[in-house]
Amino acid sequence: FVFGTALLAPSVDLAGPRPCAVAGLACEALCLFIIANAAHVSDKALSLALGCMGVGGNLLTYASMTFPALYKDAGSAAAGDETSGRSYDGLLTSVMSAAYQLSGFVFCLLTVFDFVAFFTCYAILAAIGACVALACYPDDAYRSSADAVRWCRGC
């Protein structure tokens, strides 16, 4: 599945961040639901679900790495030049990377919660996240607060 993740890396450039985020969350939701029902699925299906859950998480991470580009300091840009503003991409990307790494610790909660309930709730949250990402996640950097969410690149 590491190979699959590497093959999917260009998907953000090809499809845009929104499809990557939605696909990643939908993949995670499906896989988490399969994991929640681990007692009723084969070992191969469980192994596949665990691997695909990682691929879904990485798709979401790829999409989120484009998100900091929305935060440019327009006040420092020269008049009419949108590219000369100060960028906080590095700081925001590193904070989001740290959050992604820390999110793995959510599995420490398995010692507190029931396994099936934990993964079922996690699957529901991922499915809700996919719906929210489909409706709200930007596909291009906003130039101003008046920009609308675009359903696809070029739309």
N, C-alpha and C. Protein backbone atom coordinates (compact mmCIF):
# COMPACT_ATOMS: atom_id res chain seq x y z
N PHE A 1 0.81 -1.21 0.00
CA PHE A 1 0.00 0.00 0.00
C PHE A 1 0.85 1.26 0.00
N VAL A 2 2.10 1.14 0.40
CA VAL A 2 3.01 2.28 0.28
C VAL A 2 3.20 2.59 -1.20
N PHE A 3 3.29 1.57 -2.02
CA PHE A 3 3.42 1.75 -3.46
C PHE A 3 2.17 2.44 -4.02
N GLY A 4 1.00 2.03 -3.55
CA GLY A 4 -0.25 2.66 -3.98
C GLY A 4 -0.31 4.12 -3.60
N THR A 5 0.17 4.43 -2.41
CA THR A 5 0.20 5.82 -1.95
C THR A 5 1.14 6.64 -2.83
N ALA A 6 2.29 6.07 -3.17
CA ALA A 6 3.23 6.78 -4.04
C ALA A 6 2.62 7.03 -5.42
N LEU A 7 1.87 6.06 -5.93
CA LEU A 7 1.24 6.24 -7.24
C LEU A 7 0.15 7.31 -7.21
N LEU A 8 -0.49 7.46 -6.06
CA LEU A 8 -1.58 8.44 -5.94
C LEU A 8 -1.09 9.85 -5.63
N ALA A 9 0.19 10.01 -5.33
CA ALA A 9 0.71 11.33 -4.95
C ALA A 9 0.42 12.42 -5.98
N PRO A 10 0.54 12.16 -7.28
CA PRO A 10 0.23 13.23 -8.25
C PRO A 10 -1.26 13.54 -8.39
N SER A 11 -2.11 12.80 -7.71
CA SER A 11 -3.56 13.00 -7.87
C SER A 11 -4.01 14.40 -7.49
N VAL A 12 -3.33 15.04 -6.55
CA VAL A 12 -3.70 16.41 -6.18
C VAL A 12 -3.48 17.34 -7.36
N ASP A 13 -2.37 17.15 -8.06
CA ASP A 13 -2.10 18.00 -9.22
C ASP A 13 -3.04 17.70 -10.38
N LEU A 14 -3.42 16.44 -10.52
CA LEU A 14 -4.27 16.05 -11.64
C LEU A 14 -5.76 16.35 -11.40
N ALA A 15 -6.25 16.02 -10.22
CA ALA A 15 -7.69 16.15 -9.94
C ALA A 15 -8.01 17.37 -9.08
N GLY A 16 -7.08 17.83 -8.30
CA GLY A 16 -7.33 18.94 -7.39
C GLY A 16 -7.51 18.46 -5.97
N PRO A 17 -7.42 19.37 -5.01
CA PRO A 17 -7.49 18.99 -3.60
C PRO A 17 -8.85 18.45 -3.16
N ARG A 18 -9.95 18.99 -3.69
CA ARG A 18 -11.27 18.53 -3.24
C ARG A 18 -11.50 17.06 -3.57
N PRO A 19 -11.31 16.63 -4.81
CA PRO A 19 -11.52 15.19 -5.08
C PRO A 19 -10.60 14.30 -4.25
N CYS A 20 -9.38 14.77 -4.00
CA CYS A 20 -8.46 13.97 -3.16
C CYS A 20 -8.97 13.87 -1.74
N ALA A 21 -9.42 14.98 -1.19
CA ALA A 21 -9.92 14.97 0.19
C ALA A 21 -11.17 14.10 0.31
N VAL A 22 -12.09 14.25 -0.64
CA VAL A 22 -13.32 13.46 -0.60
C VAL A 22 -13.02 11.98 -0.79
N ALA A 23 -12.16 11.65 -1.76
CA ALA A 23 -11.82 10.24 -1.98
C ALA A 23 -11.11 9.64 -0.77
N GLY A 24 -10.21 10.41 -0.16
CA GLY A 24 -9.50 9.93 1.01
C GLY A 24 -10.43 9.67 2.19
N LEU A 25 -11.33 10.60 2.45
CA LEU A 25 -12.27 10.42 3.56
C LEU A 25 -13.27 9.31 3.28
N ALA A 26 -13.73 9.20 2.03
CA ALA A 26 -14.66 8.12 1.69
C ALA A 26 -13.98 6.76 1.81
N CYS A 27 -12.74 6.68 1.37
CA CYS A 27 -11.97 5.44 1.48
C CYS A 27 -11.78 5.07 2.95
N GLU A 28 -11.43 6.06 3.75
CA GLU A 28 -11.28 5.81 5.19
C GLU A 28 -12.59 5.36 5.82
N ALA A 29 -13.69 6.01 5.47
CA ALA A 29 -14.99 5.64 6.06
C ALA A 29 -15.33 4.20 5.75
N LEU A 30 -15.16 3.81 4.49
CA LEU A 30 -15.46 2.43 4.10
C LEU A 30 -14.56 1.44 4.84
N CYS A 31 -13.28 1.74 4.88
CA CYS A 31 -12.33 0.84 5.54
C CYS A 31 -12.56 0.77 7.05
N LEU A 32 -12.88 1.89 7.66
CA LEU A 32 -13.16 1.90 9.10
C LEU A 32 -14.40 1.08 9.42
N PHE A 33 -15.39 1.13 8.53
CA PHE A 33 -16.60 0.33 8.73
C PHE A 33 -16.26 -1.16 8.64
N ILE A 34 -15.40 -1.52 7.69
CA ILE A 34 -14.97 -2.92 7.57
C ILE A 34 -14.21 -3.35 8.82
N ILE A 35 -13.33 -2.48 9.31
CA ILE A 35 -12.57 -2.79 10.52
C ILE A 35 -13.49 -2.93 11.73
N ALA A 36 -14.52 -2.08 11.80
CA ALA A 36 -15.48 -2.17 12.91
C ALA A 36 -16.17 -3.53 12.93
N ASN A 37 -16.30 -4.14 11.77
CA ASN A 37 -16.94 -5.45 11.66
C ASN A 37 -15.91 -6.55 11.46
N ALA A 38 -14.76 -6.40 12.06
CA ALA A 38 -13.65 -7.33 11.88
C ALA A 38 -14.01 -8.77 12.23
N ALA A 39 -14.91 -8.96 13.17
CA ALA A 39 -15.30 -10.31 13.57
C ALA A 39 -16.06 -11.04 12.47
N HIS A 40 -16.59 -10.29 11.51
CA HIS A 40 -17.44 -10.87 10.48
C HIS A 40 -16.80 -10.87 9.09
N VAL A 41 -15.54 -10.46 8.97
CA VAL A 41 -14.88 -10.42 7.66
C VAL A 41 -13.65 -11.32 7.69
N SER A 42 -13.18 -11.68 6.52
CA SER A 42 -12.00 -12.54 6.44
C SER A 42 -10.74 -11.77 6.81
N ASP A 43 -9.69 -12.51 7.08
CA ASP A 43 -8.40 -11.88 7.41
C ASP A 43 -7.88 -11.06 6.23
N LYS A 44 -8.09 -11.56 5.02
CA LYS A 44 -7.64 -10.84 3.83
C LYS A 44 -8.38 -9.52 3.67
N ALA A 45 -9.69 -9.54 3.89
CA ALA A 45 -10.49 -8.32 3.79
C ALA A 45 -10.06 -7.31 4.86
N LEU A 46 -9.78 -7.79 6.04
CA LEU A 46 -9.33 -6.91 7.12
C LEU A 46 -7.96 -6.31 6.79
N SER A 47 -7.07 -7.13 6.27
CA SER A 47 -5.75 -6.64 5.89
C SER A 47 -5.86 -5.60 4.78
N LEU A 48 -6.71 -5.85 3.80
CA LEU A 48 -6.94 -4.90 2.72
C LEU A 48 -7.53 -3.59 3.26
N ALA A 49 -8.47 -3.70 4.19
CA ALA A 49 -9.09 -2.50 4.78
C ALA A 49 -8.07 -1.68 5.55
N LEU A 50 -7.19 -2.33 6.29
CA LEU A 50 -6.16 -1.60 7.04
C LEU A 50 -5.22 -0.85 6.10
N GLY A 51 -4.83 -1.50 5.02
CA GLY A 51 -3.94 -0.85 4.05
C GLY A 51 -4.62 0.30 3.34
N CYS A 52 -5.86 0.07 2.91
CA CYS A 52 -6.60 1.13 2.20
C CYS A 52 -6.94 2.30 3.11
N MET A 53 -7.09 2.03 4.40
CA MET A 53 -7.32 3.12 5.34
C MET A 53 -6.11 4.06 5.34
N GLY A 54 -4.92 3.50 5.27
CA GLY A 54 -3.71 4.31 5.19
C GLY A 54 -3.63 5.10 3.90
N VAL A 55 -4.03 4.48 2.80
CA VAL A 55 -4.04 5.18 1.51
C VAL A 55 -5.03 6.34 1.56
N GLY A 56 -6.21 6.11 2.14
CA GLY A 56 -7.20 7.18 2.28
C GLY A 56 -6.69 8.33 3.13
N GLY A 57 -6.01 7.99 4.22
CA GLY A 57 -5.43 9.02 5.07
C GLY A 57 -4.37 9.83 4.35
N ASN A 58 -3.58 9.15 3.52
CA ASN A 58 -2.56 9.87 2.77
C ASN A 58 -3.16 10.75 1.68
N LEU A 59 -4.24 10.30 1.04
CA LEU A 59 -4.93 11.16 0.08
C LEU A 59 -5.43 12.43 0.75
N LEU A 60 -5.98 12.27 1.93
CA LEU A 60 -6.45 13.44 2.69
C LEU A 60 -5.28 14.35 3.05
N THR A 61 -4.17 13.77 3.41
CA THR A 61 -2.99 14.56 3.74
C THR A 61 -2.48 15.31 2.52
N TYR A 62 -2.44 14.64 1.36
CA TYR A 62 -2.02 15.33 0.14
C TYR A 62 -2.90 16.55 -0.11
N ALA A 63 -4.21 16.38 0.04
CA ALA A 63 -5.13 17.49 -0.18
C ALA A 63 -4.91 18.60 0.83
N SER A 64 -4.65 18.22 2.08
CA SER A 64 -4.49 19.24 3.11
C SER A 64 -3.20 20.03 2.96
N MET A 65 -2.21 19.46 2.31
CA MET A 65 -0.95 20.17 2.13
C MET A 65 -1.08 21.35 1.17
N THR A 66 -2.15 21.37 0.38
CA THR A 66 -2.39 22.52 -0.49
C THR A 66 -3.15 23.62 0.23
N PHE A 67 -3.76 23.30 1.35
CA PHE A 67 -4.61 24.23 2.08
C PHE A 67 -3.86 25.47 2.58
N PRO A 68 -2.62 25.36 3.08
CA PRO A 68 -1.92 26.56 3.56
C PRO A 68 -1.71 27.61 2.49
N ALA A 69 -1.76 27.25 1.22
CA ALA A 69 -1.59 28.25 0.16
C ALA A 69 -2.72 29.27 0.17
N LEU A 70 -3.81 28.97 0.87
CA LEU A 70 -4.91 29.94 0.98
C LEU A 70 -4.53 31.13 1.85
N TYR A 71 -3.48 30.98 2.63
CA TYR A 71 -3.12 32.01 3.61
C TYR A 71 -1.89 32.78 3.16
N LYS A 72 -2.11 33.73 2.31
CA LYS A 72 -1.05 34.63 1.86
C LYS A 72 -1.28 35.97 2.53
N ASP A 73 -0.21 36.64 2.85
CA ASP A 73 -0.30 37.95 3.45
C ASP A 73 -0.42 38.98 2.33
N ALA A 74 -1.66 39.26 1.94
CA ALA A 74 -1.90 40.17 0.82
C ALA A 74 -1.44 41.59 1.13
N GLY A 75 -1.36 41.96 2.39
CA GLY A 75 -0.97 43.31 2.77
C GLY A 75 0.46 43.65 2.39
N SER A 76 1.31 42.66 2.25
CA SER A 76 2.69 42.94 1.91
C SER A 76 2.96 42.82 0.41
N ALA A 77 1.92 42.50 -0.35
CA ALA A 77 2.09 42.36 -1.80
C ALA A 77 2.13 43.74 -2.45
N ALA A 78 2.94 43.84 -3.48
CA ALA A 78 3.00 45.09 -4.23
C ALA A 78 1.67 45.28 -4.96
N ALA A 79 1.35 46.50 -5.27
CA ALA A 79 0.06 46.79 -5.91
C ALA A 79 -0.09 46.01 -7.20
N GLY A 80 -1.16 45.25 -7.29
CA GLY A 80 -1.46 44.49 -8.49
C GLY A 80 -0.68 43.20 -8.65
N ASP A 81 0.26 42.91 -7.76
CA ASP A 81 1.06 41.69 -7.87
C ASP A 81 0.65 40.71 -6.79
N GLU A 82 -0.09 39.67 -7.19
CA GLU A 82 -0.60 38.71 -6.21
C GLU A 82 0.46 37.73 -5.73
N THR A 83 1.58 37.65 -6.42
CA THR A 83 2.57 36.63 -6.09
C THR A 83 3.64 37.11 -5.12
N SER A 84 3.69 38.40 -4.81
CA SER A 84 4.78 38.89 -3.98
C SER A 84 4.43 38.96 -2.50
N GLY A 85 3.24 38.54 -2.11
CA GLY A 85 2.86 38.55 -0.70
C GLY A 85 3.65 37.54 0.10
N ARG A 86 3.81 37.82 1.38
CA ARG A 86 4.48 36.89 2.27
C ARG A 86 3.63 35.64 2.40
N SER A 87 4.26 34.51 2.46
CA SER A 87 3.52 33.26 2.55
C SER A 87 3.85 32.56 3.86
N TYR A 88 2.84 31.95 4.43
CA TYR A 88 3.03 31.19 5.66
C TYR A 88 2.89 29.69 5.39
N ASP A 89 3.09 29.31 4.12
CA ASP A 89 2.94 27.91 3.72
C ASP A 89 3.78 26.97 4.57
N GLY A 90 5.03 27.30 4.78
CA GLY A 90 5.93 26.41 5.51
C GLY A 90 5.47 26.15 6.94
N LEU A 91 5.12 27.21 7.64
CA LEU A 91 4.67 27.07 9.03
C LEU A 91 3.37 26.27 9.09
N LEU A 92 2.40 26.65 8.27
CA LEU A 92 1.11 25.95 8.31
C LEU A 92 1.24 24.50 7.86
N THR A 93 2.08 24.24 6.86
CA THR A 93 2.28 22.87 6.42
C THR A 93 2.92 22.04 7.52
N SER A 94 3.88 22.60 8.23
CA SER A 94 4.52 21.85 9.31
C SER A 94 3.55 21.61 10.46
N VAL A 95 2.69 22.57 10.77
CA VAL A 95 1.68 22.36 11.82
C VAL A 95 0.71 21.27 11.39
N MET A 96 0.28 21.30 10.12
CA MET A 96 -0.65 20.28 9.65
C MET A 96 0.02 18.91 9.59
N SER A 97 1.29 18.86 9.25
CA SER A 97 2.02 17.58 9.25
C SER A 97 2.11 17.02 10.66
N ALA A 98 2.37 17.89 11.62
CA ALA A 98 2.44 17.44 13.02
C ALA A 98 1.07 16.93 13.47
N ALA A 99 0.00 17.62 13.09
CA ALA A 99 -1.34 17.18 13.45
C ALA A 99 -1.64 15.82 12.84
N TYR A 100 -1.20 15.61 11.60
CA TYR A 100 -1.40 14.32 10.93
C TYR A 100 -0.68 13.22 11.71
N GLN A 101 0.54 13.49 12.12
CA GLN A 101 1.30 12.48 12.87
C GLN A 101 0.66 12.22 14.24
N LEU A 102 0.19 13.27 14.89
CA LEU A 102 -0.44 13.12 16.19
C LEU A 102 -1.78 12.40 16.10
N SER A 103 -2.43 12.49 14.95
CA SER A 103 -3.74 11.85 14.81
C SER A 103 -3.65 10.33 14.97
N GLY A 104 -2.49 9.77 14.76
CA GLY A 104 -2.31 8.34 14.97
C GLY A 104 -2.51 7.94 16.42
N PHE A 105 -2.34 8.88 17.32
CA PHE A 105 -2.50 8.58 18.73
C PHE A 105 -3.96 8.40 19.14
N VAL A 106 -4.89 8.70 18.21
CA VAL A 106 -6.31 8.48 18.52
C VAL A 106 -6.56 7.01 18.81
N PHE A 107 -5.72 6.15 18.26
CA PHE A 107 -5.90 4.72 18.48
C PHE A 107 -5.54 4.31 19.92
N CYS A 108 -4.91 5.18 20.67
CA CYS A 108 -4.68 4.93 22.09
C CYS A 108 -6.01 4.88 22.85
N LEU A 109 -7.03 5.51 22.27
CA LEU A 109 -8.35 5.51 22.91
C LEU A 109 -9.02 4.13 22.86
N LEU A 110 -8.45 3.22 22.08
CA LEU A 110 -9.02 1.87 22.01
C LEU A 110 -8.97 1.16 23.36
N THR A 111 -8.09 1.61 24.25
CA THR A 111 -8.04 1.01 25.58
C THR A 111 -9.19 1.50 26.45
N VAL A 112 -9.84 2.59 26.03
CA VAL A 112 -10.92 3.18 26.81
C VAL A 112 -12.30 2.82 26.25
N PHE A 113 -12.41 2.76 24.92
CA PHE A 113 -13.71 2.56 24.26
C PHE A 113 -13.82 1.15 23.69
N ASP A 114 -15.05 0.73 23.46
CA ASP A 114 -15.33 -0.53 22.80
C ASP A 114 -14.82 -0.48 21.36
N PHE A 115 -14.19 -1.54 20.89
CA PHE A 115 -13.58 -1.61 19.56
C PHE A 115 -14.59 -1.30 18.47
N VAL A 116 -15.73 -1.98 18.47
CA VAL A 116 -16.73 -1.81 17.42
C VAL A 116 -17.31 -0.40 17.46
N ALA A 117 -17.64 0.08 18.64
CA ALA A 117 -18.20 1.44 18.76
C ALA A 117 -17.19 2.48 18.30
N PHE A 118 -15.93 2.30 18.66
CA PHE A 118 -14.88 3.24 18.29
C PHE A 118 -14.77 3.37 16.77
N PHE A 119 -14.63 2.22 16.08
CA PHE A 119 -14.45 2.26 14.64
C PHE A 119 -15.73 2.63 13.89
N THR A 120 -16.87 2.30 14.44
CA THR A 120 -18.13 2.71 13.81
C THR A 120 -18.27 4.23 13.89
N CYS A 121 -18.02 4.81 15.05
CA CYS A 121 -18.09 6.27 15.18
C CYS A 121 -17.05 6.96 14.31
N TYR A 122 -15.86 6.39 14.25
CA TYR A 122 -14.79 6.93 13.42
C TYR A 122 -15.22 6.90 11.95
N ALA A 123 -15.86 5.81 11.51
CA ALA A 123 -16.33 5.69 10.13
C ALA A 123 -17.40 6.73 9.84
N ILE A 124 -18.31 6.94 10.77
CA ILE A 124 -19.37 7.94 10.59
C ILE A 124 -18.77 9.34 10.49
N LEU A 125 -17.79 9.64 11.34
CA LEU A 125 -17.13 10.95 11.27
C LEU A 125 -16.41 11.15 9.95
N ALA A 126 -15.77 10.10 9.45
CA ALA A 126 -15.07 10.21 8.17
C ALA A 126 -16.08 10.42 7.03
N ALA A 127 -17.22 9.73 7.08
CA ALA A 127 -18.25 9.91 6.05
C ALA A 127 -18.82 11.32 6.09
N ILE A 128 -19.07 11.83 7.28
CA ILE A 128 -19.55 13.22 7.41
C ILE A 128 -18.49 14.18 6.88
N GLY A 129 -17.23 13.90 7.21
CA GLY A 129 -16.12 14.73 6.71
C GLY A 129 -16.05 14.74 5.19
N ALA A 130 -16.31 13.59 4.57
CA ALA A 130 -16.30 13.51 3.11
C ALA A 130 -17.40 14.40 2.52
N CYS A 131 -18.57 14.39 3.14
CA CYS A 131 -19.68 15.23 2.67
C CYS A 131 -19.36 16.71 2.84
N VAL A 132 -18.79 17.06 3.96
CA VAL A 132 -18.41 18.46 4.21
C VAL A 132 -17.32 18.90 3.24
N ALA A 133 -16.33 18.02 3.02
CA ALA A 133 -15.26 18.35 2.07
C ALA A 133 -15.81 18.54 0.67
N LEU A 134 -16.77 17.71 0.27
CA LEU A 134 -17.37 17.84 -1.05
C LEU A 134 -18.07 19.19 -1.20
N ALA A 135 -18.70 19.64 -0.14
CA ALA A 135 -19.44 20.91 -0.20
C ALA A 135 -18.56 22.13 0.01
N CYS A 136 -17.53 22.02 0.82
CA CYS A 136 -16.82 23.22 1.26
C CYS A 136 -15.34 23.30 0.92
N TYR A 137 -14.69 22.19 0.67
CA TYR A 137 -13.23 22.23 0.50
C TYR A 137 -12.86 22.95 -0.78
N PRO A 138 -11.95 23.89 -0.72
CA PRO A 138 -11.59 24.67 -1.92
C PRO A 138 -10.78 23.82 -2.91
N ASP A 139 -10.97 24.12 -4.18
CA ASP A 139 -10.20 23.43 -5.20
C ASP A 139 -9.07 24.31 -5.73
N ASP A 140 -9.13 25.58 -5.44
CA ASP A 140 -8.09 26.53 -5.79
C ASP A 140 -7.96 27.52 -4.65
N ALA A 141 -6.83 28.20 -4.62
CA ALA A 141 -6.63 29.20 -3.57
C ALA A 141 -7.63 30.34 -3.74
N TYR A 142 -8.19 30.79 -2.64
CA TYR A 142 -9.08 31.94 -2.67
C TYR A 142 -8.26 33.21 -2.86
N ARG A 143 -8.72 34.08 -3.72
CA ARG A 143 -8.06 35.38 -3.91
C ARG A 143 -8.65 36.42 -2.96
N SER A 144 -9.93 36.22 -2.59
CA SER A 144 -10.58 37.12 -1.66
C SER A 144 -11.69 36.37 -0.96
N SER A 145 -12.28 37.01 0.04
CA SER A 145 -13.37 36.37 0.77
C SER A 145 -14.63 36.23 -0.08
N ALA A 146 -14.68 36.92 -1.22
CA ALA A 146 -15.84 36.84 -2.10
C ALA A 146 -15.78 35.63 -3.04
N ASP A 147 -14.63 34.95 -3.07
CA ASP A 147 -14.52 33.77 -3.93
C ASP A 147 -15.49 32.69 -3.49
N ALA A 148 -16.06 32.01 -4.46
CA ALA A 148 -17.00 30.92 -4.17
C ALA A 148 -16.28 29.59 -4.29
N VAL A 149 -16.82 28.59 -3.64
CA VAL A 149 -16.29 27.24 -3.77
C VAL A 149 -16.53 26.78 -5.20
N ARG A 150 -15.51 26.23 -5.83
CA ARG A 150 -15.63 25.74 -7.20
C ARG A 150 -15.78 24.22 -7.15
N TRP A 151 -16.63 23.69 -7.98
CA TRP A 151 -16.87 22.24 -7.96
C TRP A 151 -15.79 21.47 -8.67
N CYS A 152 -15.06 22.10 -9.57
CA CYS A 152 -13.95 21.44 -10.23
C CYS A 152 -13.02 22.50 -10.79
N ARG A 153 -11.82 22.10 -11.16
CA ARG A 153 -10.89 23.06 -11.76
C ARG A 153 -11.47 23.57 -13.07
N GLY A 154 -11.44 24.87 -13.26
CA GLY A 154 -11.93 25.47 -14.48
C GLY A 154 -13.42 25.74 -14.50
N CYS A 155 -14.15 25.31 -13.46
CA CYS A 155 -15.61 25.55 -13.43
C CYS A 155 -15.91 26.97 -13.01
